[in-house]
Protein backbone atom coordinates (compact mmCIF):
# COMPACT_ATOMS: atom_id res chain seq x y z
CA MET A 1 -28.13 4.56 15.27
CA ALA A 2 -31.92 4.35 16.03
CA ASN A 3 -33.66 1.25 14.73
CA SER A 4 -36.63 2.00 12.61
CA LYS A 5 -38.20 0.39 9.50
CA TYR A 6 -35.73 2.16 7.17
CA ALA A 7 -32.69 0.49 8.90
CA TYR A 8 -32.62 -2.19 6.17
CA VAL A 9 -30.88 0.04 3.96
CA ARG A 10 -27.68 -0.68 6.07
CA ASN A 11 -27.63 -4.14 4.42
CA TYR A 12 -26.33 -2.46 1.24
CA GLU A 13 -23.37 -1.34 2.99
CA LEU A 14 -20.38 -3.65 2.28
CA PRO A 15 -17.68 -4.79 5.01
CA ASP A 16 -14.28 -3.87 3.92
CA PRO A 17 -11.79 -4.98 6.62
CA LEU A 18 -8.17 -4.91 5.69
CA LEU A 19 -6.46 -8.45 5.63
CA SER A 20 -4.83 -8.98 9.06
CA GLY A 21 -1.21 -9.66 9.83
CA CYS A 22 -0.16 -7.25 6.92
CA PHE A 23 1.43 -3.75 7.09
CA LEU A 24 -0.74 -0.97 5.85
CA ILE A 25 0.61 1.92 3.65
CA CYS A 26 -1.71 4.67 3.07
CA ARG A 27 -0.24 7.10 0.32
CA LEU A 28 -1.74 10.56 -0.29
CA ASP A 29 -1.04 12.46 -3.51
CA GLY A 30 -2.06 16.00 -4.37
CA HIS A 31 -4.84 16.38 -6.97
CA SER A 32 -4.12 18.45 -9.90
CA PHE A 33 -1.17 20.00 -8.15
CA HIS A 34 0.66 21.15 -11.04
CA ARG A 35 -2.23 23.77 -11.36
CA PHE A 36 -2.45 24.40 -7.66
CA SER A 37 1.43 25.21 -7.64
CA GLU A 38 1.11 27.63 -10.62
CA GLU A 39 -1.75 29.42 -9.20
CA HIS A 40 0.12 29.88 -6.03
CA GLY A 41 3.22 30.87 -7.36
CA PHE A 42 5.70 28.00 -6.16
CA ALA A 43 9.19 28.34 -6.77
CA LYS A 44 10.79 25.96 -9.15
CA PRO A 45 12.30 23.37 -9.24
CA ASN A 46 11.53 23.23 -5.27
CA ASP A 47 9.62 25.35 -2.82
CA GLU A 48 10.93 25.16 0.41
CA ARG A 49 7.91 26.50 2.11
CA ALA A 50 5.43 24.01 0.31
CA LEU A 51 7.75 20.99 1.51
CA LYS A 52 7.62 22.32 4.92
CA LEU A 53 3.81 22.75 4.79
CA MET A 54 3.54 19.24 3.55
CA ASP A 55 5.87 17.84 6.41
CA ARG A 56 3.82 20.03 9.05
CA ALA A 57 0.50 18.30 7.87
CA ALA A 58 2.10 14.75 7.93
CA MET A 59 3.61 15.59 11.48
CA ASP A 60 0.05 16.46 12.52
CA VAL A 61 -1.33 13.31 11.25
CA MET A 62 1.52 11.21 12.79
CA THR A 63 1.07 12.87 16.12
CA GLU A 64 -2.89 12.28 16.04
CA TYR A 65 -2.62 8.68 14.96
CA LYS A 66 -0.28 6.71 17.01
CA ASP A 67 -0.47 3.42 15.00
CA ILE A 68 1.69 5.33 12.33
CA VAL A 69 5.23 4.42 12.72
CA LEU A 70 6.80 5.89 9.75
CA ALA A 71 6.05 8.55 7.08
CA PHE A 72 7.78 9.64 3.88
CA GLY A 73 7.05 12.56 1.85
CA GLU A 74 8.20 14.19 -1.58
CA SER A 75 6.72 16.90 -3.81
CA ASP A 76 3.05 16.60 -3.16
CA GLU A 77 2.71 13.06 -1.74
CA PHE A 78 3.06 11.50 1.47
CA SER A 79 3.19 7.90 2.49
CA PHE A 80 2.27 6.50 6.02
CA LEU A 81 3.19 3.26 7.33
CA LEU A 82 0.81 1.74 10.04
CA ARG A 83 2.12 -1.21 12.16
CA ARG A 84 1.19 -4.63 11.09
CA SER A 85 -0.81 -5.19 14.42
CA THR A 86 -2.94 -1.98 14.11
CA ASN A 87 -6.71 -2.22 14.60
CA LEU A 88 -7.26 1.17 13.93
CA TYR A 89 -11.20 1.68 13.18
CA ASN A 90 -11.27 -2.27 13.01
CA ARG A 91 -9.05 -2.20 10.08
CA ARG A 92 -11.81 -0.70 7.99
CA GLN A 93 -10.28 0.34 4.73
CA ALA A 94 -12.89 3.37 3.98
CA LYS A 95 -12.76 4.60 7.38
CA ILE A 96 -9.12 4.59 7.67
CA LEU A 97 -8.35 6.08 4.15
CA THR A 98 -11.17 8.99 4.37
CA ILE A 99 -9.96 10.19 7.68
CA LEU A 100 -6.25 10.33 7.07
CA THR A 101 -6.95 11.93 3.76
CA SER A 102 -9.20 14.38 5.17
CA TYR A 103 -7.25 15.10 8.10
CA PHE A 104 -4.03 15.73 6.10
CA THR A 105 -5.74 18.03 3.92
CA SER A 106 -7.47 20.01 6.54
CA CYS A 107 -4.10 20.33 8.39
CA TYR A 108 -2.61 21.61 5.06
CA VAL A 109 -5.16 24.25 4.77
CA PHE A 110 -5.03 25.17 8.48
CA HIS A 111 -1.32 25.79 8.28
CA TRP A 112 -1.20 27.47 5.10
CA SER A 113 -0.73 31.13 6.26
CA LYS A 114 2.12 30.06 8.36
CA TYR A 115 4.24 29.05 5.51
CA PHE A 116 2.70 31.28 2.81
CA PRO A 117 1.94 34.44 5.00
CA ASP A 118 1.62 36.65 1.73
CA THR A 119 -0.11 34.22 -0.28
CA LEU A 120 -3.85 34.08 -0.28
CA MET A 121 -4.92 30.47 -0.80
CA ARG A 122 -6.95 31.00 -4.10
CA TYR A 123 -9.05 27.80 -3.93
CA PRO A 124 -8.85 24.72 -1.58
CA PRO A 125 -6.36 21.99 -2.37
CA SER A 126 -7.41 18.13 -2.66
CA PHE A 127 -5.46 15.08 -2.08
CA ASP A 128 -6.54 11.46 -3.21
CA GLY A 129 -5.40 8.54 -1.33
CA ARG A 130 -4.90 4.68 -1.44
CA ILE A 131 -4.08 1.91 0.90
CA VAL A 132 -1.92 -0.86 -0.08
CA LEU A 133 -1.28 -4.10 2.07
CA TYR A 134 2.45 -5.25 2.22
CA PRO A 135 3.15 -8.86 3.64
CA ASP A 136 6.41 -8.69 5.22
CA GLU A 137 9.34 -6.29 6.24
CA ARG A 138 11.17 -6.65 2.91
CA SER A 139 8.27 -5.57 0.95
CA VAL A 140 7.82 -2.54 3.21
CA ARG A 141 11.69 -1.42 2.85
CA ASP A 142 11.37 -1.81 -0.88
CA TYR A 143 8.19 0.37 -0.87
CA PHE A 144 10.25 3.08 0.64
CA SER A 145 13.22 2.53 -1.40
CA TRP A 146 11.11 3.08 -4.26
CA ARG A 147 9.65 6.19 -3.23
CA GLN A 148 13.15 7.73 -2.21
CA ALA A 149 14.54 6.38 -5.52
CA ASP A 150 11.73 8.28 -7.24
CA THR A 151 12.48 11.58 -5.34
CA HIS A 152 16.10 11.23 -6.73
CA ILE A 153 15.32 10.66 -10.24
CA ASN A 154 12.45 13.33 -10.23
CA ASN A 155 14.54 15.87 -8.51
CA LEU A 156 17.59 15.42 -10.73
CA TYR A 157 15.51 15.92 -13.82
CA ASN A 158 13.74 18.94 -12.48
CA THR A 159 16.84 20.47 -11.18
CA VAL A 160 18.63 20.31 -14.57
CA PHE A 161 15.49 21.28 -16.46
CA TRP A 162 14.86 24.39 -14.61
CA ALA A 163 18.38 25.39 -14.63
CA LEU A 164 18.34 25.16 -18.37
CA VAL A 165 15.10 27.28 -18.37
CA GLN A 166 16.01 29.75 -15.68
CA GLN A 167 19.61 30.08 -16.15
CA GLY A 168 20.38 28.62 -19.65
CA GLY A 169 17.38 30.73 -21.40
CA LYS A 170 15.84 27.45 -22.85
CA THR A 171 12.13 27.19 -23.53
CA THR A 172 10.51 24.54 -21.72
CA ALA A 173 10.23 22.56 -24.74
CA GLU A 174 13.83 23.07 -25.58
CA ALA A 175 14.63 21.93 -22.15
CA HIS A 176 12.87 18.80 -22.46
CA ALA A 177 14.57 18.13 -25.86
CA VAL A 178 17.94 18.59 -24.38
CA LEU A 179 17.03 16.02 -21.59
CA ARG A 180 15.57 13.40 -23.74
CA GLY A 181 17.31 10.39 -23.61
CA THR A 182 19.98 11.41 -20.90
CA VAL A 183 21.03 9.08 -18.02
CA SER A 184 21.96 10.20 -14.54
CA ALA A 185 25.56 11.05 -15.32
CA MET A 186 24.80 13.08 -18.23
CA LYS A 187 22.42 15.26 -16.00
CA HIS A 188 25.02 15.54 -13.47
CA GLU A 189 27.67 16.71 -16.15
CA ILE A 190 25.23 19.42 -17.61
CA LEU A 191 24.57 20.79 -14.13
CA PHE A 192 28.38 21.02 -13.30
CA GLN A 193 29.70 22.15 -16.75
CA GLN A 194 27.07 24.66 -17.62
CA PHE A 195 25.74 25.67 -14.38
CA ASN A 196 28.62 25.04 -11.83
CA ILE A 197 26.29 23.08 -9.71
CA ASN A 198 27.26 20.04 -8.05
CA TYR A 199 24.13 18.07 -7.48
CA ASN A 200 25.47 16.56 -4.12
CA ASP A 201 25.70 20.01 -2.65
CA ILE A 202 22.04 20.52 -3.04
CA SER A 203 19.78 20.30 0.16
CA PRO A 204 19.05 16.76 1.21
CA ARG A 205 15.40 17.76 1.63
CA TYR A 206 15.20 18.04 -2.31
CA ARG A 207 17.30 14.89 -2.90
CA LYS A 208 16.13 12.29 -0.21
CA GLY A 209 12.43 13.46 0.70
CA SER A 210 11.21 14.07 4.19
CA VAL A 211 11.42 11.10 6.67
CA LEU A 212 8.99 11.21 9.75
CA VAL A 213 10.00 9.00 12.71
CA ARG A 214 9.17 8.78 16.41
CA VAL A 215 11.57 9.72 18.87
CA VAL A 216 11.44 9.28 22.59
CA ARG A 217 11.10 12.69 24.55
CA GLU A 218 13.88 13.07 26.71
CA LEU A 219 13.38 12.81 30.50
CA PRO A 220 15.54 13.43 33.53
CA TYR A 221 17.96 10.70 33.94
CA ALA A 222 16.32 9.12 36.99
CA GLN A 223 12.75 9.02 35.28
CA HIS A 224 14.01 6.99 32.53
CA GLU A 225 14.53 4.02 34.56
CA TYR A 226 12.16 4.41 37.67
CA GLN A 227 9.31 6.37 39.05
CA VAL A 228 7.72 6.30 42.64
CA THR A 229 4.30 4.84 42.78
CA SER A 230 3.48 4.57 46.43
CA GLU A 231 4.81 5.08 49.93
CA LYS A 232 4.48 2.04 52.48
CA SER A 233 5.91 3.99 55.51
CA PRO A 234 8.22 7.08 56.11
CA GLY A 235 11.39 6.82 54.04
CA GLN A 236 10.30 3.48 52.26
CA VAL A 237 9.01 3.89 48.81
CA VAL A 238 8.01 1.57 46.13
CA VAL A 239 9.15 2.00 42.66
CA GLN A 240 8.23 0.67 39.13
CA GLN A 241 10.34 0.39 36.11
CA LEU A 242 9.20 2.58 33.33
CA ALA A 243 8.39 0.86 30.05
CA SER A 244 11.40 0.45 27.38
CA GLU A 245 11.89 3.08 24.61
CA GLU A 246 10.54 0.24 22.24
CA SER A 247 7.18 -0.04 24.05
CA VAL A 248 7.03 3.67 24.44
CA ARG A 249 7.49 4.14 20.67
CA LYS A 250 4.78 1.22 19.85
CA LYS A 251 2.16 3.01 22.05
CA GLY A 252 2.97 6.41 20.67
CA ALA A 253 2.86 8.10 24.18
CA GLY A 254 5.92 9.93 25.48
CA THR A 255 7.18 10.33 21.83
CA ARG A 256 7.61 13.35 19.41
CA VAL A 257 7.68 13.30 15.54
CA GLU A 258 10.96 14.31 14.15
CA VAL A 259 11.69 15.12 10.18
CA LEU A 260 14.75 13.86 8.86
CA HIS A 261 16.29 13.96 5.22
CA CYS A 262 18.30 10.80 5.32
CA ASP A 263 18.71 7.53 3.27
CA VAL A 264 16.26 4.83 3.70
CA ILE A 265 17.54 2.38 1.21
CA GLY A 266 20.48 1.16 3.02
CA ASP A 267 20.38 -1.02 6.25
CA GLU A 268 21.67 1.67 8.60
CA PHE A 269 18.25 3.62 9.10
CA TRP A 270 16.41 0.39 9.58
CA GLY A 271 18.96 -1.18 11.97
CA ALA A 272 18.92 2.11 14.15
CA ARG A 273 14.90 1.85 14.23
CA SER A 274 13.97 -1.78 14.58
CA TYR A 275 10.76 -0.92 16.18
CA ILE A 276 9.42 0.33 12.92
CA LEU A 277 8.75 -3.12 11.52
CA ALA A 278 8.45 -4.83 14.81
CA GLY A 279 4.82 -5.10 14.30
């Protein structure tokens, strides 16, 4: 940036580095997406096209920024976990937040026609974002447990609500009145007794949300352990052991992003992917 007599105005800018030694979670939420979904005719209670579009935008973000080790999405929101040791943009909060938010939004718009080929985008969507710091592994796990529990609670309510409206002939006000004060077991009973719907048979995409993880790309067996680096003399080669899967994941190179619809509240998910919280 050129130095001039006007450069003093930079002194008004405040530094905003995020505390080191903490995990970063950036959560993006659709802004006024109730209106956006209505304007674009999203199916109720879930529109698979819209959810797959969210997944695709999140995959692009995770592919672009290798320090993101996990992402979780439901409805019109996505949460991204950055490794504890990340130095992305020198941990500047505004820089990280604005770039992840804008990149996700632009990817959502860029891929719109692939998932809604017959629906013209009537106006541009927008997403807001926040970054929260978490000090340890337990709080990170509890965060994602909170988001997945929220996914289940919201989806169960919406599934029963729209069954009452679409199949039961209720108005939206009447459906809300029926569900007021009900607990989970009562909602399950309404679905099964009145509409012959077993909630557990509903797609896990809707019940559990989308979980994005890094998976090491498959290589031929020999390449998993060794690669030729040079030849000293005919018939004699020097080989070097390749990096471990964990180190490959940490660097983000040689990996692909995979979408799962699985439980993240129990220990199994985290035990199988210890690299996520390795720092």
